[in-house]
Amino acid sequence: MPHFAIYCTDKPDSAELRAAARPAHLDYVGALGDSIVVVGPILDHEGRACGSIVIATFHDEAAAHAFAHNDPYARAGLFADVRIHQWRQVPPAQ
């Protein structure tokens, strides 16, 4: 199955909204289990969360879009922008 990167940018001044939706978001993302490659917040220059990235295995692009659409952060209106692209992992150079 392919991997997809879901890159989300928060709306400005949305730290409180992010904090309120965080527990539900963590449960939702955690349900992906072993499908997760990497997940976490994107940080601004001051180390504050300003977005999210999820790279995980999905059956297809439609499933990745459905996952992103139903993320509690997205449902709470946190994101200004969501981009989804297929992603391929390569081994690091030795």
C-alpha atoms as a PDB file:
ATOM      1  CA  MET A   1       0.000   0.000   0.000  1.00  0.00           C
ATOM      2  CA  PRO A   2       1.230   3.523  -0.694  1.00  0.00           C
ATOM      3  CA  HIS A   3       2.301   6.126   1.815  1.00  0.00           C
ATOM      4  CA  PHE A   4       0.765   9.601   1.818  1.00  0.00           C
ATOM      5  CA  ALA A   5       2.020  12.789   3.440  1.00  0.00           C
ATOM      6  CA  ILE A   6      -0.669  15.016   4.901  1.00  0.00           C
ATOM      7  CA  TYR A   7       0.736  18.503   5.511  1.00  0.00           C
ATOM      8  CA  CYS A   8      -1.544  20.913   7.386  1.00  0.00           C
ATOM      9  CA  THR A   9      -0.995  24.577   8.190  1.00  0.00           C
ATOM     10  CA  ASP A  10      -2.837  26.133  11.148  1.00  0.00           C
ATOM     11  CA  LYS A  11      -4.891  29.296  10.878  1.00  0.00           C
ATOM     12  CA  PRO A  12      -3.239  32.298  12.564  1.00  0.00           C
ATOM     13  CA  ASP A  13      -3.749  32.734  16.312  1.00  0.00           C
ATOM     14  CA  SER A  14      -5.232  29.274  16.762  1.00  0.00           C
ATOM     15  CA  ALA A  15      -3.206  27.927  19.710  1.00  0.00           C
ATOM     16  CA  GLU A  16      -6.288  27.645  21.939  1.00  0.00           C
ATOM     17  CA  LEU A  17      -8.251  25.802  19.259  1.00  0.00           C
ATOM     18  CA  ARG A  18      -5.323  23.407  18.747  1.00  0.00           C
ATOM     19  CA  ALA A  19      -5.057  22.767  22.487  1.00  0.00           C
ATOM     20  CA  ALA A  20      -8.779  22.066  22.826  1.00  0.00           C
ATOM     21  CA  ALA A  21      -8.840  19.559  19.946  1.00  0.00           C
ATOM     22  CA  ARG A  22      -5.488  17.914  20.752  1.00  0.00           C
ATOM     23  CA  PRO A  23      -6.718  14.953  22.878  1.00  0.00           C
ATOM     24  CA  ALA A  24      -9.239  13.885  20.223  1.00  0.00           C
ATOM     25  CA  HIS A  25      -6.642  14.399  17.466  1.00  0.00           C
ATOM     26  CA  LEU A  26      -4.103  12.207  19.277  1.00  0.00           C
ATOM     27  CA  ASP A  27      -6.670   9.427  19.733  1.00  0.00           C
ATOM     28  CA  TYR A  28      -7.669   9.692  16.075  1.00  0.00           C
ATOM     29  CA  VAL A  29      -4.120   9.569  14.756  1.00  0.00           C
ATOM     30  CA  GLY A  30      -3.185   6.830  17.217  1.00  0.00           C
ATOM     31  CA  ALA A  31      -5.876   4.624  15.707  1.00  0.00           C
ATOM     32  CA  LEU A  32      -3.705   4.363  12.578  1.00  0.00           C
ATOM     33  CA  GLY A  33      -1.402   2.090  14.595  1.00  0.00           C
ATOM     34  CA  ASP A  34       1.352   0.480  12.534  1.00  0.00           C
ATOM     35  CA  SER A  35       0.303   2.452   9.435  1.00  0.00           C
ATOM     36  CA  ILE A  36       2.067   5.519  10.824  1.00  0.00           C
ATOM     37  CA  VAL A  37       5.481   6.347   9.405  1.00  0.00           C
ATOM     38  CA  VAL A  38       5.800   9.671  11.220  1.00  0.00           C
ATOM     39  CA  VAL A  39       3.403  12.115  12.842  1.00  0.00           C
ATOM     40  CA  GLY A  40       3.823  15.357  14.749  1.00  0.00           C
ATOM     41  CA  PRO A  41       3.432  19.112  14.853  1.00  0.00           C
ATOM     42  CA  ILE A  42       5.210  21.525  12.547  1.00  0.00           C
ATOM     43  CA  LEU A  43       6.900  24.255  14.606  1.00  0.00           C
ATOM     44  CA  ASP A  44       7.416  27.946  13.914  1.00  0.00           C
ATOM     45  CA  HIS A  45      10.707  29.794  14.543  1.00  0.00           C
ATOM     46  CA  GLU A  46       9.811  30.143  18.215  1.00  0.00           C
ATOM     47  CA  GLY A  47       9.079  26.434  18.682  1.00  0.00           C
ATOM     48  CA  ARG A  48       5.277  26.768  18.754  1.00  0.00           C
ATOM     49  CA  ALA A  49       3.035  24.409  16.819  1.00  0.00           C
ATOM     50  CA  CYS A  50       1.818  25.990  13.584  1.00  0.00           C
ATOM     51  CA  GLY A  51       0.704  22.906  11.684  1.00  0.00           C
ATOM     52  CA  SER A  52       0.783  19.141  11.530  1.00  0.00           C
ATOM     53  CA  ILE A  53       2.291  16.420   9.409  1.00  0.00           C
ATOM     54  CA  VAL A  54       1.110  12.840   9.129  1.00  0.00           C
ATOM     55  CA  ILE A  55       2.886  10.342   6.917  1.00  0.00           C
ATOM     56  CA  ALA A  56       1.096   7.018   6.912  1.00  0.00           C
ATOM     57  CA  THR A  57       0.023   4.110   4.765  1.00  0.00           C
ATOM     58  CA  PHE A  58      -3.433   4.402   3.222  1.00  0.00           C
ATOM     59  CA  HIS A  59      -5.201   2.191   0.680  1.00  0.00           C
ATOM     60  CA  ASP A  60      -5.350   5.059  -1.795  1.00  0.00           C
ATOM     61  CA  GLU A  61      -5.432   8.852  -2.072  1.00  0.00           C
ATOM     62  CA  ALA A  62      -9.168   8.954  -1.387  1.00  0.00           C
ATOM     63  CA  ALA A  63      -8.575   7.229   1.965  1.00  0.00           C
ATOM     64  CA  ALA A  64      -5.862   9.761   2.838  1.00  0.00           C
ATOM     65  CA  HIS A  65      -8.239  12.615   2.001  1.00  0.00           C
ATOM     66  CA  ALA A  66     -11.013  11.050   4.080  1.00  0.00           C
ATOM     67  CA  PHE A  67      -8.632  10.637   7.017  1.00  0.00           C
ATOM     68  CA  ALA A  68      -7.508  14.286   6.767  1.00  0.00           C
ATOM     69  CA  HIS A  69     -11.087  15.544   6.440  1.00  0.00           C
ATOM     70  CA  ASN A  70     -12.206  13.657   9.561  1.00  0.00           C
ATOM     71  CA  ASP A  71      -9.230  14.616  11.737  1.00  0.00           C
ATOM     72  CA  PRO A  72     -10.583  16.368  14.855  1.00  0.00           C
ATOM     73  CA  TYR A  73      -8.248  19.289  14.130  1.00  0.00           C
ATOM     74  CA  ALA A  74      -9.788  19.695  10.678  1.00  0.00           C
ATOM     75  CA  ARG A  75     -13.331  19.278  12.026  1.00  0.00           C
ATOM     76  CA  ALA A  76     -12.624  21.991  14.615  1.00  0.00           C
ATOM     77  CA  GLY A  77     -11.589  24.396  11.834  1.00  0.00           C
ATOM     78  CA  LEU A  78      -7.916  24.581  12.857  1.00  0.00           C
ATOM     79  CA  PHE A  79      -6.341  24.320   9.425  1.00  0.00           C
ATOM     80  CA  ALA A  80      -5.896  27.096   6.889  1.00  0.00           C
ATOM     81  CA  ASP A  81      -4.460  24.674   4.344  1.00  0.00           C
ATOM     82  CA  VAL A  82      -4.204  20.903   3.895  1.00  0.00           C
ATOM     83  CA  ARG A  83      -2.009  19.323   1.230  1.00  0.00           C
ATOM     84  CA  ILE A  84      -1.818  15.609   0.497  1.00  0.00           C
ATOM     85  CA  HIS A  85       0.790  13.928  -1.657  1.00  0.00           C
ATOM     86  CA  GLN A  86       1.885  10.385  -2.199  1.00  0.00           C
ATOM     87  CA  TRP A  87       5.238   9.841  -0.511  1.00  0.00           C
ATOM     88  CA  ARG A  88       8.008   7.321  -1.013  1.00  0.00           C
ATOM     89  CA  GLN A  89      10.465   6.389   1.707  1.00  0.00           C
ATOM     90  CA  VAL A  90      14.072   5.822   0.674  1.00  0.00           C
ATOM     91  CA  PRO A  91      16.894   4.566   2.826  1.00  0.00           C
ATOM     92  CA  PRO A  92      19.342   7.164   4.085  1.00  0.00           C
ATOM     93  CA  ALA A  93      22.656   7.447   2.262  1.00  0.00           C
ATOM     94  CA  GLN A  94      25.376   5.420   3.927  1.00  0.00           C
END
